[in-house]
């Protein structure tokens, strides 16, 4: 009898954990189970702030109200700070890099799932990074390292219509859409 009661108690305690796993899976599948380019590109046009850099300097969660404050203070007031995304078609889009005064343009072309190929004009990149004027072996190395860092595939995840995450070999950057 004690064994049956213990089994019943264990089952009752385990049921909420299963429900939580189901809810967590639904959320993860919504974000990471995106299998089409349009899951990323649909409605992407607009200015987006790189919130990871702005709000997560210490690691951990940002202070309450910080994100809203950043969106209110920076969006529309200083357009050079946000990245501007523009859809080209259902499978590709462009991004004017944040804080580049529109001088750095990236193109993203869909490969599969959430994976996109990032391309750009190397001369623009070197100019924005101020590597174009560095001569000699150190300049060559800096430019080669920059090409390695910025070239290749990235993954995009639309966490919500107003939150976009770009994951590259160097980490994740979370962008928040600027209000119109």
N, C-alpha and C. Protein backbone atom coordinates (compact mmCIF):
# COMPACT_ATOMS: atom_id res chain seq x y z
N UNK A 1 0.82 -1.19 0.00
CA UNK A 1 0.00 0.00 0.00
C UNK A 1 0.86 1.26 0.00
N UNK A 2 1.91 1.26 0.83
CA UNK A 2 2.80 2.43 0.87
C UNK A 2 3.43 2.67 -0.49
N UNK A 3 3.77 1.60 -1.17
CA UNK A 3 4.39 1.73 -2.49
C UNK A 3 3.43 2.38 -3.49
N UNK A 4 2.16 2.01 -3.42
CA UNK A 4 1.16 2.60 -4.30
C UNK A 4 0.98 4.09 -4.00
N UNK A 5 0.95 4.44 -2.73
CA UNK A 5 0.81 5.85 -2.34
C UNK A 5 2.03 6.65 -2.79
N UNK A 6 3.21 6.09 -2.62
CA UNK A 6 4.44 6.78 -3.05
C UNK A 6 4.45 6.97 -4.56
N UNK A 7 3.99 5.96 -5.29
CA UNK A 7 3.93 6.06 -6.76
C UNK A 7 2.92 7.12 -7.18
N UNK A 8 1.77 7.17 -6.49
CA UNK A 8 0.75 8.17 -6.80
C UNK A 8 1.27 9.59 -6.53
N UNK A 9 1.95 9.77 -5.40
CA UNK A 9 2.52 11.09 -5.07
C UNK A 9 3.57 11.49 -6.11
N UNK A 10 4.43 10.55 -6.49
CA UNK A 10 5.46 10.83 -7.50
C UNK A 10 4.82 11.22 -8.82
N UNK A 11 3.75 10.53 -9.19
CA UNK A 11 3.05 10.84 -10.44
C UNK A 11 2.43 12.23 -10.39
N UNK A 12 1.81 12.56 -9.27
CA UNK A 12 1.20 13.88 -9.13
C UNK A 12 2.24 15.00 -9.16
N UNK A 13 3.40 14.75 -8.57
CA UNK A 13 4.46 15.76 -8.58
C UNK A 13 5.10 15.88 -9.96
N UNK A 14 5.14 14.81 -10.72
CA UNK A 14 5.76 14.83 -12.04
C UNK A 14 4.87 15.48 -13.08
N UNK A 15 3.56 15.44 -12.91
CA UNK A 15 2.64 15.98 -13.91
C UNK A 15 2.90 17.46 -14.21
N UNK A 16 3.08 18.33 -13.20
CA UNK A 16 3.36 19.73 -13.52
C UNK A 16 4.68 19.90 -14.29
N UNK A 17 5.67 19.08 -14.00
CA UNK A 17 6.94 19.18 -14.73
C UNK A 17 6.73 18.85 -16.20
N UNK A 18 5.91 17.84 -16.48
CA UNK A 18 5.63 17.49 -17.88
C UNK A 18 4.91 18.63 -18.58
N UNK A 19 3.96 19.26 -17.88
CA UNK A 19 3.24 20.38 -18.47
C UNK A 19 4.19 21.53 -18.78
N UNK A 20 5.15 21.78 -17.88
CA UNK A 20 6.11 22.85 -18.12
C UNK A 20 7.00 22.53 -19.30
N UNK A 21 7.43 21.27 -19.42
CA UNK A 21 8.25 20.87 -20.57
C UNK A 21 7.47 21.08 -21.86
N UNK A 22 6.19 20.75 -21.85
CA UNK A 22 5.38 20.93 -23.05
C UNK A 22 5.29 22.41 -23.43
N UNK A 23 5.07 23.27 -22.44
CA UNK A 23 5.01 24.71 -22.71
C UNK A 23 6.35 25.24 -23.20
N UNK A 24 7.43 24.80 -22.56
CA UNK A 24 8.77 25.25 -22.96
C UNK A 24 9.10 24.77 -24.37
N UNK A 25 8.71 23.52 -24.70
CA UNK A 25 8.95 23.02 -26.05
C UNK A 25 8.18 23.85 -27.07
N UNK A 26 6.93 24.18 -26.77
CA UNK A 26 6.13 24.97 -27.71
C UNK A 26 6.81 26.31 -27.99
N UNK A 27 7.35 26.94 -26.94
CA UNK A 27 8.06 28.21 -27.12
C UNK A 27 9.33 28.02 -27.94
N UNK A 28 10.14 27.02 -27.58
CA UNK A 28 11.39 26.76 -28.32
C UNK A 28 11.11 26.41 -29.77
N UNK A 29 10.08 25.62 -30.01
CA UNK A 29 9.75 25.24 -31.38
C UNK A 29 9.28 26.44 -32.19
N UNK A 30 8.56 27.35 -31.53
CA UNK A 30 8.11 28.57 -32.22
C UNK A 30 9.30 29.40 -32.67
N UNK A 31 10.33 29.48 -31.84
CA UNK A 31 11.51 30.29 -32.15
C UNK A 31 12.48 29.54 -33.06
N UNK A 32 12.86 28.33 -32.67
CA UNK A 32 13.93 27.62 -33.37
C UNK A 32 13.45 26.65 -34.43
N UNK A 33 12.16 26.40 -34.51
CA UNK A 33 11.63 25.47 -35.49
C UNK A 33 11.23 26.13 -36.80
N UNK A 34 11.72 27.33 -37.04
CA UNK A 34 11.39 28.06 -38.27
C UNK A 34 12.07 27.39 -39.45
N UNK A 35 11.29 26.94 -40.42
CA UNK A 35 11.85 26.20 -41.53
C UNK A 35 11.79 26.94 -42.85
N UNK A 36 11.30 28.16 -42.85
CA UNK A 36 11.20 28.89 -44.11
C UNK A 36 11.84 30.26 -43.99
N UNK A 37 12.24 30.78 -45.13
CA UNK A 37 12.84 32.12 -45.15
C UNK A 37 11.82 33.16 -44.72
N UNK A 38 10.57 32.99 -45.11
CA UNK A 38 9.57 34.01 -44.79
C UNK A 38 9.31 34.10 -43.29
N UNK A 39 9.62 33.05 -42.52
CA UNK A 39 9.50 33.15 -41.07
C UNK A 39 10.42 34.25 -40.53
N UNK A 40 11.48 34.55 -41.28
CA UNK A 40 12.42 35.60 -40.89
C UNK A 40 12.13 36.89 -41.65
N UNK A 41 11.93 36.81 -42.96
CA UNK A 41 11.86 38.01 -43.79
C UNK A 41 10.52 38.73 -43.76
N UNK A 42 9.45 38.03 -43.43
CA UNK A 42 8.13 38.64 -43.45
C UNK A 42 8.05 39.78 -42.43
N UNK A 43 7.83 40.99 -42.91
CA UNK A 43 7.70 42.15 -42.04
C UNK A 43 9.00 42.63 -41.42
N UNK A 44 10.12 42.30 -42.03
CA UNK A 44 11.43 42.65 -41.45
C UNK A 44 11.80 44.12 -41.68
N UNK A 45 11.18 44.78 -42.64
CA UNK A 45 11.55 46.15 -42.98
C UNK A 45 11.45 47.08 -41.77
N UNK A 46 12.49 47.89 -41.58
CA UNK A 46 12.47 48.88 -40.52
C UNK A 46 13.79 49.00 -39.81
N UNK A 47 13.80 49.89 -38.83
CA UNK A 47 15.00 50.11 -38.02
C UNK A 47 14.94 49.23 -36.78
N UNK A 48 16.07 48.59 -36.47
CA UNK A 48 16.17 47.68 -35.34
C UNK A 48 17.40 48.06 -34.52
N UNK A 49 17.26 48.07 -33.20
CA UNK A 49 18.41 48.37 -32.33
C UNK A 49 19.10 47.08 -31.89
N UNK A 50 20.44 47.07 -31.90
CA UNK A 50 21.19 45.92 -31.39
C UNK A 50 21.18 45.93 -29.86
N UNK A 51 20.17 45.32 -29.28
CA UNK A 51 19.95 45.42 -27.83
C UNK A 51 20.98 44.68 -27.00
N UNK A 52 21.56 43.61 -27.52
CA UNK A 52 22.54 42.86 -26.74
C UNK A 52 23.71 43.75 -26.37
N UNK A 53 24.20 44.49 -27.33
CA UNK A 53 25.33 45.39 -27.09
C UNK A 53 24.93 46.52 -26.15
N UNK A 54 23.75 47.07 -26.36
CA UNK A 54 23.32 48.24 -25.59
C UNK A 54 22.87 47.90 -24.17
N UNK A 55 22.25 46.74 -23.99
CA UNK A 55 21.59 46.47 -22.71
C UNK A 55 22.21 45.35 -21.90
N UNK A 56 23.18 44.65 -22.44
CA UNK A 56 23.66 43.46 -21.76
C UNK A 56 25.17 43.53 -21.52
N UNK A 57 25.66 44.70 -21.19
CA UNK A 57 27.09 44.88 -21.00
C UNK A 57 27.65 44.07 -19.84
N UNK A 58 26.86 43.89 -18.80
CA UNK A 58 27.33 43.16 -17.62
C UNK A 58 26.98 41.69 -17.67
N UNK A 59 26.27 41.27 -18.70
CA UNK A 59 25.75 39.90 -18.72
C UNK A 59 24.52 39.84 -17.85
N UNK A 60 23.70 38.87 -18.06
CA UNK A 60 22.48 38.76 -17.26
C UNK A 60 21.37 39.62 -17.83
N UNK A 61 20.30 39.69 -17.08
CA UNK A 61 19.13 40.43 -17.53
C UNK A 61 19.34 41.93 -17.39
N UNK A 62 18.81 42.71 -18.34
CA UNK A 62 18.92 44.17 -18.23
C UNK A 62 18.01 44.68 -17.11
N UNK A 63 18.33 45.86 -16.63
CA UNK A 63 17.50 46.48 -15.61
C UNK A 63 16.09 46.69 -16.15
N UNK A 64 15.07 46.57 -15.30
CA UNK A 64 13.70 46.80 -15.74
C UNK A 64 13.55 48.19 -16.36
N UNK A 65 12.90 48.25 -17.50
CA UNK A 65 12.65 49.51 -18.18
C UNK A 65 13.76 49.97 -19.10
N UNK A 66 14.92 49.33 -19.05
CA UNK A 66 16.06 49.77 -19.86
C UNK A 66 15.78 49.66 -21.36
N UNK A 67 15.21 48.54 -21.78
CA UNK A 67 14.94 48.33 -23.21
C UNK A 67 13.97 49.39 -23.73
N UNK A 68 12.87 49.60 -23.01
CA UNK A 68 11.91 50.63 -23.43
C UNK A 68 12.57 52.00 -23.50
N UNK A 69 13.41 52.30 -22.53
CA UNK A 69 14.12 53.58 -22.51
C UNK A 69 15.04 53.73 -23.72
N UNK A 70 15.78 52.67 -24.04
CA UNK A 70 16.68 52.72 -25.20
C UNK A 70 15.90 52.92 -26.49
N UNK A 71 14.81 52.17 -26.65
CA UNK A 71 14.00 52.30 -27.86
C UNK A 71 13.44 53.71 -27.98
N UNK A 72 13.00 54.28 -26.86
CA UNK A 72 12.42 55.62 -26.88
C UNK A 72 13.47 56.69 -27.17
N UNK A 73 14.65 56.57 -26.56
CA UNK A 73 15.68 57.60 -26.70
C UNK A 73 16.41 57.54 -28.03
N UNK A 74 16.66 56.34 -28.54
CA UNK A 74 17.54 56.20 -29.71
C UNK A 74 16.77 56.11 -31.02
N UNK A 75 15.70 55.34 -31.04
CA UNK A 75 14.97 55.14 -32.30
C UNK A 75 14.41 56.44 -32.84
N UNK A 76 14.65 56.66 -34.11
CA UNK A 76 14.12 57.84 -34.77
C UNK A 76 14.86 59.12 -34.46
N UNK A 77 15.51 59.20 -33.31
CA UNK A 77 16.24 60.41 -32.94
C UNK A 77 17.64 60.41 -33.50
N UNK A 78 18.22 59.25 -33.62
CA UNK A 78 19.59 59.15 -34.09
C UNK A 78 19.68 57.90 -34.98
N UNK A 79 19.20 58.00 -36.20
CA UNK A 79 19.07 56.80 -37.04
C UNK A 79 20.38 56.09 -37.35
N UNK A 80 21.51 56.73 -37.08
CA UNK A 80 22.76 56.02 -37.37
C UNK A 80 23.02 54.91 -36.37
N UNK A 81 22.29 54.88 -35.28
CA UNK A 81 22.53 53.86 -34.25
C UNK A 81 21.84 52.55 -34.55
N UNK A 82 20.72 52.57 -35.20
CA UNK A 82 19.99 51.35 -35.47
C UNK A 82 20.41 50.72 -36.78
N UNK A 83 20.19 49.42 -36.89
CA UNK A 83 20.41 48.72 -38.15
C UNK A 83 19.10 48.82 -38.93
N UNK A 84 19.19 49.07 -40.22
CA UNK A 84 18.00 49.18 -41.05
C UNK A 84 17.92 47.94 -41.94
N UNK A 85 16.85 47.18 -41.75
CA UNK A 85 16.61 45.96 -42.53
C UNK A 85 15.62 46.26 -43.64
N UNK A 86 15.88 45.74 -44.84
CA UNK A 86 14.99 45.91 -45.98
C UNK A 86 14.89 44.59 -46.73
N UNK A 87 13.68 44.07 -46.86
CA UNK A 87 13.48 42.83 -47.61
C UNK A 87 13.74 43.08 -49.09
N UNK A 88 14.43 42.16 -49.73
CA UNK A 88 14.65 42.22 -51.18
C UNK A 88 13.57 41.39 -51.85
N UNK A 89 13.33 40.21 -51.33
CA UNK A 89 12.27 39.32 -51.78
C UNK A 89 11.96 38.38 -50.62
N UNK A 90 11.26 37.28 -50.89
CA UNK A 90 10.88 36.36 -49.80
C UNK A 90 12.04 35.61 -49.19
N UNK A 91 13.19 35.58 -49.87
CA UNK A 91 14.31 34.76 -49.38
C UNK A 91 15.58 35.55 -49.10
N UNK A 92 15.54 36.85 -49.23
CA UNK A 92 16.75 37.63 -48.96
C UNK A 92 16.40 39.04 -48.48
N UNK A 93 17.36 39.65 -47.80
CA UNK A 93 17.17 41.01 -47.31
C UNK A 93 18.53 41.67 -47.14
N UNK A 94 18.50 42.99 -47.00
CA UNK A 94 19.72 43.76 -46.75
C UNK A 94 19.64 44.38 -45.36
N UNK A 95 20.81 44.66 -44.82
CA UNK A 95 20.89 45.35 -43.54
C UNK A 95 21.96 46.42 -43.63
N UNK A 96 21.59 47.65 -43.34
CA UNK A 96 22.58 48.71 -43.15
C UNK A 96 23.03 48.59 -41.71
N UNK A 97 24.32 48.39 -41.51
CA UNK A 97 24.85 48.12 -40.18
C UNK A 97 24.59 49.25 -39.20
N UNK A 98 24.34 48.88 -37.96
CA UNK A 98 24.16 49.86 -36.89
C UNK A 98 25.44 50.65 -36.70
N UNK A 99 25.27 51.93 -36.42
CA UNK A 99 26.40 52.84 -36.16
C UNK A 99 27.38 52.96 -37.31
N UNK A 100 26.92 52.77 -38.54
CA UNK A 100 27.83 52.91 -39.69
C UNK A 100 27.42 54.06 -40.60
N UNK A 101 26.46 54.86 -40.18
CA UNK A 101 25.96 55.99 -40.97
C UNK A 101 25.54 55.54 -42.37
N UNK A 102 25.07 54.32 -42.48
CA UNK A 102 24.61 53.78 -43.76
C UNK A 102 25.73 53.36 -44.68
N UNK A 103 26.97 53.35 -44.18
CA UNK A 103 28.12 53.04 -45.03
C UNK A 103 28.39 51.54 -45.14
N UNK A 104 27.79 50.72 -44.28
CA UNK A 104 28.05 49.28 -44.33
C UNK A 104 26.77 48.54 -44.65
N UNK A 105 26.74 47.92 -45.82
CA UNK A 105 25.56 47.19 -46.29
C UNK A 105 25.88 45.70 -46.34
N UNK A 106 25.05 44.93 -45.66
CA UNK A 106 25.16 43.46 -45.70
C UNK A 106 23.97 42.92 -46.49
N UNK A 107 24.19 41.82 -47.16
CA UNK A 107 23.10 41.12 -47.84
C UNK A 107 23.02 39.72 -47.23
N UNK A 108 21.80 39.27 -46.98
CA UNK A 108 21.56 37.95 -46.42
C UNK A 108 20.67 37.17 -47.38
N UNK A 109 21.16 36.02 -47.82
CA UNK A 109 20.42 35.16 -48.74
C UNK A 109 20.15 33.82 -48.05
N UNK A 110 18.90 33.40 -48.13
CA UNK A 110 18.46 32.19 -47.45
C UNK A 110 19.14 30.95 -48.01
N UNK A 111 19.56 30.06 -47.12
CA UNK A 111 20.12 28.77 -47.49
C UNK A 111 19.12 27.68 -47.17
N UNK A 112 18.73 27.58 -45.89
CA UNK A 112 17.81 26.54 -45.45
C UNK A 112 17.43 26.82 -43.99
N UNK A 113 16.21 26.50 -43.62
CA UNK A 113 15.78 26.71 -42.24
C UNK A 113 15.96 28.16 -41.84
N UNK A 114 16.71 28.40 -40.78
CA UNK A 114 16.99 29.75 -40.31
C UNK A 114 18.36 30.24 -40.76
N UNK A 115 19.02 29.49 -41.65
CA UNK A 115 20.39 29.80 -42.07
C UNK A 115 20.41 30.69 -43.31
N UNK A 116 21.20 31.75 -43.22
CA UNK A 116 21.37 32.71 -44.31
C UNK A 116 22.86 32.90 -44.57
N UNK A 117 23.20 33.19 -45.82
CA UNK A 117 24.59 33.52 -46.15
C UNK A 117 24.74 35.03 -46.11
N UNK A 118 25.72 35.53 -45.38
CA UNK A 118 25.98 36.97 -45.27
C UNK A 118 27.08 37.35 -46.25
N UNK A 119 26.80 38.34 -47.09
CA UNK A 119 27.81 38.86 -48.02
C UNK A 119 27.86 40.38 -47.88
N UNK A 120 28.97 40.95 -48.34
CA UNK A 120 29.19 42.39 -48.21
C UNK A 120 30.35 42.79 -49.10
N UNK A 121 30.53 44.09 -49.26
CA UNK A 121 31.66 44.63 -50.01
C UNK A 121 32.83 44.77 -49.03
N UNK A 122 33.91 44.01 -49.24
CA UNK A 122 35.04 44.10 -48.31
C UNK A 122 35.60 45.51 -48.16
N UNK A 123 35.61 46.29 -49.24
CA UNK A 123 36.14 47.66 -49.15
C UNK A 123 35.31 48.49 -48.18
N UNK A 124 33.97 48.30 -48.18
CA UNK A 124 33.11 49.01 -47.23
C UNK A 124 33.46 48.60 -45.80
N UNK A 125 33.61 47.30 -45.58
CA UNK A 125 33.93 46.82 -44.24
C UNK A 125 35.24 47.40 -43.74
N UNK A 126 36.27 47.35 -44.57
CA UNK A 126 37.58 47.86 -44.15
C UNK A 126 37.52 49.35 -43.87
N UNK A 127 36.73 50.09 -44.65
CA UNK A 127 36.59 51.52 -44.44
C UNK A 127 35.88 51.81 -43.11
N UNK A 128 34.78 51.11 -42.85
CA UNK A 128 34.03 51.32 -41.61
C UNK A 128 34.89 50.97 -40.39
N UNK A 129 35.66 49.89 -40.49
CA UNK A 129 36.53 49.48 -39.38
C UNK A 129 37.83 50.27 -39.32
N UNK A 130 38.03 51.12 -40.31
CA UNK A 130 39.25 51.93 -40.44
C UNK A 130 40.50 51.06 -40.64
N UNK A 131 40.32 49.91 -41.29
CA UNK A 131 41.43 49.02 -41.60
C UNK A 131 42.01 49.31 -42.97
N UNK A 132 41.34 50.14 -43.76
CA UNK A 132 41.79 50.40 -45.13
C UNK A 132 43.07 51.22 -45.18
N UNK A 133 43.36 51.96 -44.14
CA UNK A 133 44.55 52.82 -44.14
C UNK A 133 45.75 52.17 -43.45
N UNK A 134 45.55 51.00 -42.88
CA UNK A 134 46.65 50.34 -42.17
C UNK A 134 47.47 49.54 -43.17
N UNK A 135 48.73 49.87 -43.24
CA UNK A 135 49.61 49.23 -44.23
C UNK A 135 50.43 48.12 -43.58
N UNK A 136 51.10 47.38 -44.42
CA UNK A 136 52.03 46.36 -43.96
C UNK A 136 51.34 45.08 -43.54
N UNK A 137 52.14 44.24 -42.92
CA UNK A 137 51.67 42.91 -42.52
C UNK A 137 50.54 42.97 -41.50
N UNK A 138 50.60 43.94 -40.58
CA UNK A 138 49.53 44.04 -39.58
C UNK A 138 48.20 44.41 -40.23
N UNK A 139 48.23 45.29 -41.24
CA UNK A 139 47.01 45.64 -41.96
C UNK A 139 46.43 44.46 -42.71
N UNK A 140 47.30 43.69 -43.34
CA UNK A 140 46.84 42.50 -44.06
C UNK A 140 46.19 41.52 -43.09
N UNK A 141 46.81 41.32 -41.93
CA UNK A 141 46.26 40.39 -40.94
C UNK A 141 44.93 40.89 -40.39
N UNK A 142 44.83 42.17 -40.11
CA UNK A 142 43.58 42.73 -39.58
C UNK A 142 42.45 42.57 -40.59
N UNK A 143 42.73 42.83 -41.86
CA UNK A 143 41.71 42.69 -42.89
C UNK A 143 41.31 41.22 -43.06
N UNK A 144 42.28 40.32 -43.02
CA UNK A 144 41.97 38.88 -43.14
C UNK A 144 41.11 38.42 -41.96
N UNK A 145 41.45 38.87 -40.76
CA UNK A 145 40.66 38.51 -39.57
C UNK A 145 39.24 39.05 -39.67
N UNK A 146 39.10 40.27 -40.19
CA UNK A 146 37.77 40.87 -40.36
C UNK A 146 36.95 40.08 -41.37
N UNK A 147 37.58 39.68 -42.46
CA UNK A 147 36.87 38.88 -43.47
C UNK A 147 36.39 37.57 -42.86
N UNK A 148 37.24 36.95 -42.07
CA UNK A 148 36.86 35.69 -41.42
C UNK A 148 35.71 35.90 -40.44
N UNK A 149 35.77 36.99 -39.69
CA UNK A 149 34.76 37.25 -38.67
C UNK A 149 33.39 37.57 -39.27
N UNK A 150 33.36 38.30 -40.37
CA UNK A 150 32.09 38.78 -40.92
C UNK A 150 31.54 37.92 -42.05
N UNK A 151 32.34 37.05 -42.65
CA UNK A 151 31.89 36.23 -43.78
C UNK A 151 31.21 34.97 -43.29
N UNK A 152 30.39 34.41 -44.15
CA UNK A 152 29.84 33.10 -43.88
C UNK A 152 28.37 33.11 -43.55
N UNK A 153 27.96 32.04 -42.89
CA UNK A 153 26.55 31.86 -42.60
C UNK A 153 26.20 32.38 -41.21
N UNK A 154 24.96 32.82 -41.10
CA UNK A 154 24.39 33.24 -39.82
C UNK A 154 22.98 32.64 -39.74
N UNK A 155 22.48 32.54 -38.55
CA UNK A 155 21.13 32.05 -38.33
C UNK A 155 20.29 33.19 -37.77
N UNK A 156 19.09 33.35 -38.31
CA UNK A 156 18.16 34.36 -37.83
C UNK A 156 16.94 33.68 -37.23
N UNK A 157 16.50 34.19 -36.09
CA UNK A 157 15.32 33.67 -35.42
C UNK A 157 14.42 34.85 -35.05
N UNK A 158 13.17 34.78 -35.47
CA UNK A 158 12.18 35.79 -35.09
C UNK A 158 11.54 35.32 -33.80
N UNK A 159 11.98 35.86 -32.70
CA UNK A 159 11.44 35.51 -31.40
C UNK A 159 10.00 36.01 -31.29
N UNK A 160 9.76 37.16 -31.88
CA UNK A 160 8.43 37.75 -31.97
C UNK A 160 8.48 38.70 -33.16
N UNK A 161 7.36 39.31 -33.54
CA UNK A 161 7.41 40.25 -34.66
C UNK A 161 8.38 41.41 -34.43
N UNK A 162 8.68 41.73 -33.16
CA UNK A 162 9.53 42.87 -32.85
C UNK A 162 10.87 42.50 -32.22
N UNK A 163 11.20 41.23 -32.17
CA UNK A 163 12.48 40.78 -31.63
C UNK A 163 13.09 39.77 -32.60
N UNK A 164 14.31 40.07 -33.03
CA UNK A 164 15.03 39.26 -34.02
C UNK A 164 16.39 38.92 -33.44
N UNK A 165 16.79 37.66 -33.54
CA UNK A 165 18.10 37.25 -33.05
C UNK A 165 18.95 36.75 -34.20
N UNK A 166 20.17 37.29 -34.31
CA UNK A 166 21.13 36.85 -35.32
C UNK A 166 22.24 36.10 -34.59
N UNK A 167 22.47 34.85 -34.99
CA UNK A 167 23.48 34.02 -34.35
C UNK A 167 24.57 33.71 -35.38
N UNK A 168 25.79 34.09 -35.05
CA UNK A 168 26.93 33.83 -35.93
C UNK A 168 27.96 33.01 -35.16
N UNK A 169 29.08 32.74 -35.79
CA UNK A 169 30.12 31.96 -35.11
C UNK A 169 30.71 32.70 -33.92
N UNK A 170 30.38 33.98 -33.78
CA UNK A 170 30.91 34.78 -32.68
C UNK A 170 29.88 35.10 -31.61
N UNK A 171 28.71 34.49 -31.69
CA UNK A 171 27.71 34.71 -30.66
C UNK A 171 26.38 35.18 -31.21
N UNK A 172 25.52 35.60 -30.31
CA UNK A 172 24.17 36.02 -30.67
C UNK A 172 24.00 37.51 -30.43
N UNK A 173 23.24 38.14 -31.31
CA UNK A 173 22.88 39.55 -31.17
C UNK A 173 21.37 39.64 -31.26
N UNK A 174 20.75 40.20 -30.23
CA UNK A 174 19.30 40.35 -30.20
C UNK A 174 18.97 41.78 -30.61
N UNK A 175 18.09 41.91 -31.60
CA UNK A 175 17.65 43.21 -32.10
C UNK A 175 16.20 43.44 -31.69
N UNK A 176 15.89 44.67 -31.32
CA UNK A 176 14.52 45.07 -31.04
C UNK A 176 14.06 46.06 -32.08
N UNK A 177 12.85 45.85 -32.60
CA UNK A 177 12.31 46.75 -33.63
C UNK A 177 11.99 48.11 -33.02
N UNK A 178 12.39 49.14 -33.73
CA UNK A 178 12.03 50.50 -33.32
C UNK A 178 10.56 50.75 -33.63
N UNK A 179 9.86 51.42 -32.72
CA UNK A 179 8.47 51.77 -33.02
C UNK A 179 8.42 52.79 -34.15
N UNK A 180 7.35 52.74 -34.91
CA UNK A 180 7.21 53.68 -36.05
C UNK A 180 6.95 55.08 -35.58
